[in-house]
């Protein structure tokens, strides 16, 4: 259970470990924020130095190796100042800010914790714009958010009129963060957050599939039978060569690409519609 709370002034103490922490291992420390796992590595976050907690963890789980330690501000970790941001028609607001009452935009309260997905990344911004386009006609009632991160895209879809969303992420910390944001926005009846492999859920037919995710998973999603059961799709998180491969494969399917986004010639997002729409 996460007990420590982040503020813009927080200093993060990060322990970079080789290996994944066993699910039955509990880190008991009042300054513990959570663990981000990537491939076979773990990043363990604290608000204060915690060498004793890490030493105890490694002593219990012999396959873990401490590779490095880092110290940085919370804003450095998130890649910029954490403040209200206008992203298209959405105003993304940290929980410690109160949005102006006269603000006409749709407000999303978002606490990113130590998870990526605060709206700063270009693929997140492009996905938000794509969600506004697809939801504009009022016909998107169900949504799949694969690789949900903080849950920002599922939140945006519900804010734009979608009724039900399933938000999936393989990373447990991402799911916990997304669930916290669902509660912050009082959307518990609209969004279900699931800790699982994204590919499994691509079989569920919905009005809108959004996958802002690694290409290694994306290629399996677009090759699944369930992909053509989706009406709209947004595929993002793609580098130039990966986007080219995705478009080459889509060219052989009964789908129509409606819009493409390319940020700095590096990150690509694809919006399309299938024959089922």
C-alpha atoms as a PDB file:
ATOM      1  CA  UNK A   1       0.000   0.000   0.000  1.00  0.00           C
ATOM      2  CA  UNK A   2       1.355   3.402  -0.999  1.00  0.00           C
ATOM      3  CA  UNK A   3       1.510   5.715   2.009  1.00  0.00           C
ATOM      4  CA  UNK A   4       3.905   8.446   0.879  1.00  0.00           C
ATOM      5  CA  UNK A   5       2.483  11.368  -1.084  1.00  0.00           C
ATOM      6  CA  UNK A   6       4.159  13.358  -3.825  1.00  0.00           C
ATOM      7  CA  UNK A   7       4.194  17.121  -4.221  1.00  0.00           C
ATOM      8  CA  UNK A   8       5.923  19.243  -6.886  1.00  0.00           C
ATOM      9  CA  UNK A   9       8.744  19.891  -4.384  1.00  0.00           C
ATOM     10  CA  UNK A  10       9.352  16.214  -3.619  1.00  0.00           C
ATOM     11  CA  UNK A  11      12.825  14.736  -4.016  1.00  0.00           C
ATOM     12  CA  UNK A  12      12.838  11.194  -5.405  1.00  0.00           C
ATOM     13  CA  UNK A  13      15.338   8.559  -4.324  1.00  0.00           C
ATOM     14  CA  UNK A  14      15.416   5.835  -6.964  1.00  0.00           C
ATOM     15  CA  UNK A  15      17.078   2.434  -6.676  1.00  0.00           C
ATOM     16  CA  UNK A  16      17.776   0.689  -9.983  1.00  0.00           C
ATOM     17  CA  UNK A  17      17.811  -3.089  -9.631  1.00  0.00           C
ATOM     18  CA  UNK A  18      18.494  -5.919 -12.009  1.00  0.00           C
ATOM     19  CA  UNK A  19      15.670  -8.409 -11.671  1.00  0.00           C
ATOM     20  CA  UNK A  20      11.985  -8.215 -10.843  1.00  0.00           C
ATOM     21  CA  UNK A  21      10.839  -8.085  -7.252  1.00  0.00           C
ATOM     22  CA  UNK A  22       8.789 -11.158  -6.348  1.00  0.00           C
ATOM     23  CA  UNK A  23       5.081 -10.422  -5.945  1.00  0.00           C
ATOM     24  CA  UNK A  24       5.057 -11.776  -2.396  1.00  0.00           C
ATOM     25  CA  UNK A  25       7.818  -9.383  -1.278  1.00  0.00           C
ATOM     26  CA  UNK A  26       6.499  -6.362   0.583  1.00  0.00           C
ATOM     27  CA  UNK A  27       8.503  -3.166   1.046  1.00  0.00           C
ATOM     28  CA  UNK A  28       7.509  -1.755   4.417  1.00  0.00           C
ATOM     29  CA  UNK A  29       8.685   1.851   4.573  1.00  0.00           C
ATOM     30  CA  UNK A  30       6.631   4.995   5.133  1.00  0.00           C
ATOM     31  CA  UNK A  31       8.536   6.753   2.320  1.00  0.00           C
ATOM     32  CA  UNK A  32       7.992   3.997  -0.251  1.00  0.00           C
ATOM     33  CA  UNK A  33       6.209   5.236  -3.388  1.00  0.00           C
ATOM     34  CA  UNK A  34       6.173   2.173  -5.599  1.00  0.00           C
ATOM     35  CA  UNK A  35       8.141   0.021  -8.025  1.00  0.00           C
ATOM     36  CA  UNK A  36       8.242   0.443 -11.781  1.00  0.00           C
ATOM     37  CA  UNK A  37       9.232  -2.737 -13.669  1.00  0.00           C
ATOM     38  CA  UNK A  38      10.657  -2.648 -17.173  1.00  0.00           C
ATOM     39  CA  UNK A  39      11.767  -5.898 -18.838  1.00  0.00           C
ATOM     40  CA  UNK A  40      13.967  -7.591 -16.215  1.00  0.00           C
ATOM     41  CA  UNK A  41      14.738  -4.450 -14.236  1.00  0.00           C
ATOM     42  CA  UNK A  42      13.051  -2.660 -11.323  1.00  0.00           C
ATOM     43  CA  UNK A  43      13.048   0.993 -10.297  1.00  0.00           C
ATOM     44  CA  UNK A  44      12.120   1.403  -6.629  1.00  0.00           C
ATOM     45  CA  UNK A  45      10.997   4.878  -5.527  1.00  0.00           C
ATOM     46  CA  UNK A  46      11.213   6.493  -2.097  1.00  0.00           C
ATOM     47  CA  UNK A  47      10.747  10.024  -0.759  1.00  0.00           C
ATOM     48  CA  UNK A  48      13.812   9.592   1.472  1.00  0.00           C
ATOM     49  CA  UNK A  49      16.982   7.540   1.199  1.00  0.00           C
ATOM     50  CA  UNK A  50      16.204   3.918   2.050  1.00  0.00           C
ATOM     51  CA  UNK A  51      19.399   1.832   1.782  1.00  0.00           C
ATOM     52  CA  UNK A  52      18.328  -0.439   4.637  1.00  0.00           C
ATOM     53  CA  UNK A  53      15.061  -1.334   2.892  1.00  0.00           C
ATOM     54  CA  UNK A  54      16.894  -2.156  -0.348  1.00  0.00           C
ATOM     55  CA  UNK A  55      19.569  -4.183   1.460  1.00  0.00           C
ATOM     56  CA  UNK A  56      16.879  -6.176   3.247  1.00  0.00           C
ATOM     57  CA  UNK A  57      15.096  -6.798  -0.052  1.00  0.00           C
ATOM     58  CA  UNK A  58      18.266  -8.049  -1.764  1.00  0.00           C
ATOM     59  CA  UNK A  59      19.085 -10.221   1.242  1.00  0.00           C
ATOM     60  CA  UNK A  60      15.676 -11.897   0.949  1.00  0.00           C
ATOM     61  CA  UNK A  61      15.735 -12.202  -2.840  1.00  0.00           C
ATOM     62  CA  UNK A  62      19.234 -13.233  -3.896  1.00  0.00           C
ATOM     63  CA  UNK A  63      18.677 -12.781  -7.644  1.00  0.00           C
ATOM     64  CA  UNK A  64      18.288  -8.999  -7.258  1.00  0.00           C
ATOM     65  CA  UNK A  65      21.341  -6.823  -7.926  1.00  0.00           C
ATOM     66  CA  UNK A  66      21.582  -3.112  -7.128  1.00  0.00           C
ATOM     67  CA  UNK A  67      22.934  -1.440 -10.273  1.00  0.00           C
ATOM     68  CA  UNK A  68      22.712   2.239  -9.397  1.00  0.00           C
ATOM     69  CA  UNK A  69      20.962   4.896  -7.321  1.00  0.00           C
ATOM     70  CA  UNK A  70      19.545   8.214  -8.509  1.00  0.00           C
ATOM     71  CA  UNK A  71      18.269  11.354  -6.879  1.00  0.00           C
ATOM     72  CA  UNK A  72      16.146  13.900  -8.729  1.00  0.00           C
ATOM     73  CA  UNK A  73      13.185  16.174  -8.215  1.00  0.00           C
ATOM     74  CA  UNK A  74       9.707  14.940  -8.988  1.00  0.00           C
ATOM     75  CA  UNK A  75       9.454  17.441 -11.851  1.00  0.00           C
ATOM     76  CA  UNK A  76      12.759  16.222 -13.336  1.00  0.00           C
ATOM     77  CA  UNK A  77      11.401  12.679 -13.340  1.00  0.00           C
ATOM     78  CA  UNK A  78       8.174  13.792 -15.026  1.00  0.00           C
ATOM     79  CA  UNK A  79      10.078  15.805 -17.612  1.00  0.00           C
ATOM     80  CA  UNK A  80       8.717  19.253 -16.863  1.00  0.00           C
ATOM     81  CA  UNK A  81       6.864  21.527 -14.491  1.00  0.00           C
ATOM     82  CA  UNK A  82       3.774  19.879 -13.045  1.00  0.00           C
ATOM     83  CA  UNK A  83       1.019  22.432 -13.454  1.00  0.00           C
ATOM     84  CA  UNK A  84      -2.347  22.713 -15.211  1.00  0.00           C
ATOM     85  CA  UNK A  85      -1.903  22.147 -18.941  1.00  0.00           C
ATOM     86  CA  UNK A  86      -4.287  22.804 -21.787  1.00  0.00           C
ATOM     87  CA  UNK A  87      -4.022  19.854 -24.185  1.00  0.00           C
ATOM     88  CA  UNK A  88      -6.451  20.337 -27.026  1.00  0.00           C
ATOM     89  CA  UNK A  89      -9.899  20.605 -25.464  1.00  0.00           C
ATOM     90  CA  UNK A  90      -8.771  19.148 -22.147  1.00  0.00           C
ATOM     91  CA  UNK A  91      -7.401  20.914 -19.104  1.00  0.00           C
ATOM     92  CA  UNK A  92      -5.199  18.413 -17.262  1.00  0.00           C
ATOM     93  CA  UNK A  93      -4.926  19.473 -13.627  1.00  0.00           C
ATOM     94  CA  UNK A  94      -2.768  18.036 -10.817  1.00  0.00           C
ATOM     95  CA  UNK A  95      -4.821  17.257  -7.690  1.00  0.00           C
ATOM     96  CA  UNK A  96      -3.131  20.044  -5.725  1.00  0.00           C
ATOM     97  CA  UNK A  97      -4.528  22.707  -8.110  1.00  0.00           C
ATOM     98  CA  UNK A  98      -8.093  23.995  -8.254  1.00  0.00           C
ATOM     99  CA  UNK A  99      -9.170  24.748 -11.846  1.00  0.00           C
ATOM    100  CA  UNK A 100     -10.872  28.105 -12.479  1.00  0.00           C
ATOM    101  CA  UNK A 101     -14.651  27.828 -12.249  1.00  0.00           C
ATOM    102  CA  UNK A 102     -15.164  29.545 -15.599  1.00  0.00           C
ATOM    103  CA  UNK A 103     -12.800  27.200 -17.457  1.00  0.00           C
ATOM    104  CA  UNK A 104     -14.784  25.907 -20.476  1.00  0.00           C
ATOM    105  CA  UNK A 105     -12.534  22.941 -21.238  1.00  0.00           C
ATOM    106  CA  UNK A 106     -13.126  19.442 -20.005  1.00  0.00           C
ATOM    107  CA  UNK A 107     -11.079  19.061 -16.830  1.00  0.00           C
ATOM    108  CA  UNK A 108      -9.140  15.877 -16.094  1.00  0.00           C
ATOM    109  CA  UNK A 109      -7.678  15.649 -12.602  1.00  0.00           C
ATOM    110  CA  UNK A 110      -4.491  13.632 -12.921  1.00  0.00           C
ATOM    111  CA  UNK A 111      -1.975  12.480 -10.347  1.00  0.00           C
ATOM    112  CA  UNK A 112       0.734  10.731 -12.404  1.00  0.00           C
ATOM    113  CA  UNK A 113       2.643   9.498  -9.351  1.00  0.00           C
ATOM    114  CA  UNK A 114       5.919   8.124 -10.699  1.00  0.00           C
ATOM    115  CA  UNK A 115       4.230   6.628 -13.783  1.00  0.00           C
ATOM    116  CA  UNK A 116       4.681   8.060 -17.270  1.00  0.00           C
ATOM    117  CA  UNK A 117       1.608   9.615 -18.876  1.00  0.00           C
ATOM    118  CA  UNK A 118       1.089  13.132 -17.541  1.00  0.00           C
ATOM    119  CA  UNK A 119       0.174  14.539 -20.946  1.00  0.00           C
ATOM    120  CA  UNK A 120       3.636  15.882 -21.759  1.00  0.00           C
ATOM    121  CA  UNK A 121       4.634  13.118 -24.167  1.00  0.00           C
ATOM    122  CA  UNK A 122       3.717  13.861 -27.801  1.00  0.00           C
ATOM    123  CA  UNK A 123       1.983  10.515 -28.282  1.00  0.00           C
ATOM    124  CA  UNK A 124      -0.306  11.223 -25.325  1.00  0.00           C
ATOM    125  CA  UNK A 125      -1.240  14.601 -26.802  1.00  0.00           C
ATOM    126  CA  UNK A 126      -1.929  13.041 -30.197  1.00  0.00           C
ATOM    127  CA  UNK A 127      -4.076  10.313 -28.651  1.00  0.00           C
ATOM    128  CA  UNK A 128      -6.106  12.927 -26.779  1.00  0.00           C
ATOM    129  CA  UNK A 129      -6.731  14.757 -30.050  1.00  0.00           C
ATOM    130  CA  UNK A 130      -7.728  11.491 -31.738  1.00  0.00           C
ATOM    131  CA  UNK A 131     -10.150  10.738 -28.888  1.00  0.00           C
ATOM    132  CA  UNK A 132     -11.771  14.143 -29.353  1.00  0.00           C
ATOM    133  CA  UNK A 133     -12.258  13.391 -33.057  1.00  0.00           C
ATOM    134  CA  UNK A 134     -13.720   9.920 -32.570  1.00  0.00           C
ATOM    135  CA  UNK A 135     -16.034  10.931 -29.724  1.00  0.00           C
ATOM    136  CA  UNK A 136     -17.319  14.096 -31.415  1.00  0.00           C
ATOM    137  CA  UNK A 137     -20.324  12.352 -32.983  1.00  0.00           C
ATOM    138  CA  UNK A 138     -21.549  10.855 -29.722  1.00  0.00           C
ATOM    139  CA  UNK A 139     -21.368   7.288 -31.060  1.00  0.00           C
ATOM    140  CA  UNK A 140     -18.431   6.019 -28.996  1.00  0.00           C
ATOM    141  CA  UNK A 141     -19.971   4.262 -25.991  1.00  0.00           C
ATOM    142  CA  UNK A 142     -17.301   1.627 -25.254  1.00  0.00           C
ATOM    143  CA  UNK A 143     -13.520   1.875 -25.264  1.00  0.00           C
ATOM    144  CA  UNK A 144     -10.399  -0.213 -24.759  1.00  0.00           C
ATOM    145  CA  UNK A 145      -7.331   1.625 -23.449  1.00  0.00           C
ATOM    146  CA  UNK A 146      -4.387  -0.740 -23.907  1.00  0.00           C
ATOM    147  CA  UNK A 147      -1.231   0.340 -22.104  1.00  0.00           C
ATOM    148  CA  UNK A 148      -3.224   2.755 -19.960  1.00  0.00           C
ATOM    149  CA  UNK A 149      -0.352   4.148 -17.824  1.00  0.00           C
ATOM    150  CA  UNK A 150      -1.951   6.817 -15.641  1.00  0.00           C
ATOM    151  CA  UNK A 151      -5.374   6.220 -17.192  1.00  0.00           C
ATOM    152  CA  UNK A 152      -5.456   9.633 -18.856  1.00  0.00           C
ATOM    153  CA  UNK A 153      -6.821   8.379 -22.197  1.00  0.00           C
ATOM    154  CA  UNK A 154      -9.653   6.361 -20.666  1.00  0.00           C
ATOM    155  CA  UNK A 155     -10.528   9.372 -18.509  1.00  0.00           C
ATOM    156  CA  UNK A 156     -10.587  11.592 -21.595  1.00  0.00           C
ATOM    157  CA  UNK A 157     -12.904   9.239 -23.470  1.00  0.00           C
ATOM    158  CA  UNK A 158     -15.393   9.160 -20.598  1.00  0.00           C
ATOM    159  CA  UNK A 159     -15.218  12.955 -20.298  1.00  0.00           C
ATOM    160  CA  UNK A 160     -16.106  13.122 -23.994  1.00  0.00           C
ATOM    161  CA  UNK A 161     -19.224  10.977 -23.663  1.00  0.00           C
ATOM    162  CA  UNK A 162     -18.012   7.374 -23.718  1.00  0.00           C
ATOM    163  CA  UNK A 163     -19.960   5.290 -21.189  1.00  0.00           C
ATOM    164  CA  UNK A 164     -17.695   2.333 -20.382  1.00  0.00           C
ATOM    165  CA  UNK A 165     -13.931   1.834 -20.713  1.00  0.00           C
ATOM    166  CA  UNK A 166     -11.575  -1.016 -19.912  1.00  0.00           C
ATOM    167  CA  UNK A 167      -8.077   0.235 -19.086  1.00  0.00           C
ATOM    168  CA  UNK A 168      -5.343  -2.418 -19.237  1.00  0.00           C
ATOM    169  CA  UNK A 169      -1.676  -2.341 -18.273  1.00  0.00           C
ATOM    170  CA  UNK A 170       0.810  -5.108 -17.541  1.00  0.00           C
ATOM    171  CA  UNK A 171       2.610  -2.925 -15.009  1.00  0.00           C
ATOM    172  CA  UNK A 172       1.033  -3.156 -11.566  1.00  0.00           C
ATOM    173  CA  UNK A 173       2.165   0.324 -10.491  1.00  0.00           C
ATOM    174  CA  UNK A 174       0.566   1.815 -13.612  1.00  0.00           C
ATOM    175  CA  UNK A 175      -2.711   0.076 -12.792  1.00  0.00           C
ATOM    176  CA  UNK A 176      -2.646   1.304  -9.205  1.00  0.00           C
ATOM    177  CA  UNK A 177      -1.987   4.856 -10.418  1.00  0.00           C
ATOM    178  CA  UNK A 178      -4.734   4.637 -13.055  1.00  0.00           C
ATOM    179  CA  UNK A 179      -7.185   3.334 -10.449  1.00  0.00           C
ATOM    180  CA  UNK A 180      -6.324   6.252  -8.145  1.00  0.00           C
ATOM    181  CA  UNK A 181      -7.047   8.665 -10.999  1.00  0.00           C
ATOM    182  CA  UNK A 182     -10.349   6.965 -11.763  1.00  0.00           C
ATOM    183  CA  UNK A 183     -11.344   7.606  -8.146  1.00  0.00           C
ATOM    184  CA  UNK A 184     -10.086  11.213  -8.263  1.00  0.00           C
ATOM    185  CA  UNK A 185     -12.383  11.836 -11.240  1.00  0.00           C
ATOM    186  CA  UNK A 186     -15.312   9.899  -9.694  1.00  0.00           C
ATOM    187  CA  UNK A 187     -15.452   7.480 -12.633  1.00  0.00           C
ATOM    188  CA  UNK A 188     -15.540   4.175 -10.743  1.00  0.00           C
ATOM    189  CA  UNK A 189     -18.802   3.248 -12.518  1.00  0.00           C
ATOM    190  CA  UNK A 190     -17.336   3.972 -15.949  1.00  0.00           C
ATOM    191  CA  UNK A 191     -13.766   2.640 -15.991  1.00  0.00           C
ATOM    192  CA  UNK A 192     -12.460  -0.782 -15.027  1.00  0.00           C
ATOM    193  CA  UNK A 193      -8.664  -0.999 -14.594  1.00  0.00           C
ATOM    194  CA  UNK A 194      -7.128  -4.428 -15.191  1.00  0.00           C
ATOM    195  CA  UNK A 195      -3.559  -5.586 -14.551  1.00  0.00           C
ATOM    196  CA  UNK A 196      -2.952  -7.946 -17.483  1.00  0.00           C
ATOM    197  CA  UNK A 197      -1.419  -8.385 -20.914  1.00  0.00           C
ATOM    198  CA  UNK A 198      -2.963  -5.979 -23.401  1.00  0.00           C
ATOM    199  CA  UNK A 199      -3.114  -8.530 -26.239  1.00  0.00           C
ATOM    200  CA  UNK A 200      -5.651 -10.641 -24.369  1.00  0.00           C
ATOM    201  CA  UNK A 201      -8.201  -7.833 -24.299  1.00  0.00           C
ATOM    202  CA  UNK A 202      -7.928  -6.869 -27.966  1.00  0.00           C
ATOM    203  CA  UNK A 203     -10.529  -9.572 -28.641  1.00  0.00           C
ATOM    204  CA  UNK A 204     -13.257  -7.523 -26.929  1.00  0.00           C
ATOM    205  CA  UNK A 205     -15.316  -5.648 -29.556  1.00  0.00           C
ATOM    206  CA  UNK A 206     -15.636  -1.941 -28.759  1.00  0.00           C
ATOM    207  CA  UNK A 207     -16.410   1.357 -30.423  1.00  0.00           C
ATOM    208  CA  UNK A 208     -12.856   2.607 -29.854  1.00  0.00           C
ATOM    209  CA  UNK A 209      -9.548   0.860 -29.299  1.00  0.00           C
ATOM    210  CA  UNK A 210      -6.639   3.043 -28.191  1.00  0.00           C
ATOM    211  CA  UNK A 211      -3.220   1.414 -27.956  1.00  0.00           C
ATOM    212  CA  UNK A 212      -0.352   3.696 -26.963  1.00  0.00           C
ATOM    213  CA  UNK A 213       2.074   0.881 -26.444  1.00  0.00           C
ATOM    214  CA  UNK A 214       5.350  -0.800 -27.461  1.00  0.00           C
ATOM    215  CA  UNK A 215       5.545  -2.019 -31.048  1.00  0.00           C
ATOM    216  CA  UNK A 216       6.311  -5.585 -29.921  1.00  0.00           C
ATOM    217  CA  UNK A 217       2.816  -5.688 -28.412  1.00  0.00           C
ATOM    218  CA  UNK A 218       1.201  -3.516 -31.081  1.00  0.00           C
ATOM    219  CA  UNK A 219       2.089  -5.957 -33.876  1.00  0.00           C
ATOM    220  CA  UNK A 220       0.252  -8.732 -32.047  1.00  0.00           C
ATOM    221  CA  UNK A 221      -2.796  -6.525 -31.417  1.00  0.00           C
ATOM    222  CA  UNK A 222      -3.276  -5.599 -35.075  1.00  0.00           C
ATOM    223  CA  UNK A 223      -2.834  -9.246 -36.120  1.00  0.00           C
ATOM    224  CA  UNK A 224      -5.436 -10.525 -33.675  1.00  0.00           C
ATOM    225  CA  UNK A 225      -8.913 -11.513 -34.846  1.00  0.00           C
ATOM    226  CA  UNK A 226     -10.377  -9.030 -32.401  1.00  0.00           C
ATOM    227  CA  UNK A 227      -8.721  -6.035 -34.065  1.00  0.00           C
ATOM    228  CA  UNK A 228     -11.276  -5.949 -36.873  1.00  0.00           C
ATOM    229  CA  UNK A 229     -14.096  -6.108 -34.305  1.00  0.00           C
ATOM    230  CA  UNK A 230     -13.186  -2.566 -33.234  1.00  0.00           C
ATOM    231  CA  UNK A 231     -14.914   0.357 -34.964  1.00  0.00           C
ATOM    232  CA  UNK A 232     -12.365   3.113 -34.448  1.00  0.00           C
ATOM    233  CA  UNK A 233      -8.718   2.539 -33.612  1.00  0.00           C
ATOM    234  CA  UNK A 234      -5.868   4.756 -32.447  1.00  0.00           C
ATOM    235  CA  UNK A 235      -2.386   3.255 -32.631  1.00  0.00           C
ATOM    236  CA  UNK A 236       0.411   5.250 -31.025  1.00  0.00           C
ATOM    237  CA  UNK A 237       3.811   5.075 -29.366  1.00  0.00           C
ATOM    238  CA  UNK A 238       5.362   4.161 -32.725  1.00  0.00           C
ATOM    239  CA  UNK A 239       8.771   5.180 -34.016  1.00  0.00           C
ATOM    240  CA  UNK A 240       9.148   5.941 -37.730  1.00  0.00           C
ATOM    241  CA  UNK A 241      10.207   2.456 -38.853  1.00  0.00           C
ATOM    242  CA  UNK A 242       7.565   0.845 -36.633  1.00  0.00           C
ATOM    243  CA  UNK A 243       4.799   3.086 -37.993  1.00  0.00           C
ATOM    244  CA  UNK A 244       5.811   2.098 -41.522  1.00  0.00           C
ATOM    245  CA  UNK A 245       5.496  -1.599 -40.644  1.00  0.00           C
ATOM    246  CA  UNK A 246       2.099  -1.062 -39.037  1.00  0.00           C
ATOM    247  CA  UNK A 247       0.796   0.859 -42.047  1.00  0.00           C
ATOM    248  CA  UNK A 248       2.134  -1.796 -44.412  1.00  0.00           C
ATOM    249  CA  UNK A 249       0.192  -4.451 -42.524  1.00  0.00           C
ATOM    250  CA  UNK A 250      -2.963  -2.327 -42.284  1.00  0.00           C
ATOM    251  CA  UNK A 251      -2.890  -1.858 -46.068  1.00  0.00           C
ATOM    252  CA  UNK A 252      -3.941  -5.501 -46.383  1.00  0.00           C
ATOM    253  CA  UNK A 253      -6.909  -5.152 -44.026  1.00  0.00           C
ATOM    254  CA  UNK A 254     -10.433  -3.723 -44.575  1.00  0.00           C
ATOM    255  CA  UNK A 255      -9.587  -0.528 -42.714  1.00  0.00           C
ATOM    256  CA  UNK A 256      -9.293   3.127 -43.630  1.00  0.00           C
ATOM    257  CA  UNK A 257      -6.611   5.381 -42.155  1.00  0.00           C
ATOM    258  CA  UNK A 258      -8.203   8.761 -41.482  1.00  0.00           C
ATOM    259  CA  UNK A 259      -5.362  10.763 -39.975  1.00  0.00           C
ATOM    260  CA  UNK A 260      -1.702  10.512 -39.066  1.00  0.00           C
ATOM    261  CA  UNK A 261       0.315  12.506 -36.571  1.00  0.00           C
ATOM    262  CA  UNK A 262       4.096  12.777 -36.593  1.00  0.00           C
ATOM    263  CA  UNK A 263       5.869  14.647 -33.817  1.00  0.00           C
ATOM    264  CA  UNK A 264       9.399  15.830 -34.548  1.00  0.00           C
ATOM    265  CA  UNK A 265       9.634  13.117 -37.188  1.00  0.00           C
ATOM    266  CA  UNK A 266      10.055  10.599 -34.376  1.00  0.00           C
ATOM    267  CA  UNK A 267       6.769   9.616 -32.734  1.00  0.00           C
ATOM    268  CA  UNK A 268       3.789   8.533 -34.811  1.00  0.00           C
ATOM    269  CA  UNK A 269       0.069   8.077 -34.178  1.00  0.00           C
ATOM    270  CA  UNK A 270      -2.473   6.533 -36.553  1.00  0.00           C
ATOM    271  CA  UNK A 271      -6.246   7.050 -36.442  1.00  0.00           C
ATOM    272  CA  UNK A 272      -8.402   4.692 -38.461  1.00  0.00           C
ATOM    273  CA  UNK A 273     -11.772   3.021 -38.885  1.00  0.00           C
ATOM    274  CA  UNK A 274     -12.642  -0.592 -39.731  1.00  0.00           C
ATOM    275  CA  UNK A 275     -15.274  -2.047 -42.025  1.00  0.00           C
ATOM    276  CA  UNK A 276     -17.431  -2.843 -38.975  1.00  0.00           C
ATOM    277  CA  UNK A 277     -18.054   0.848 -38.289  1.00  0.00           C
END
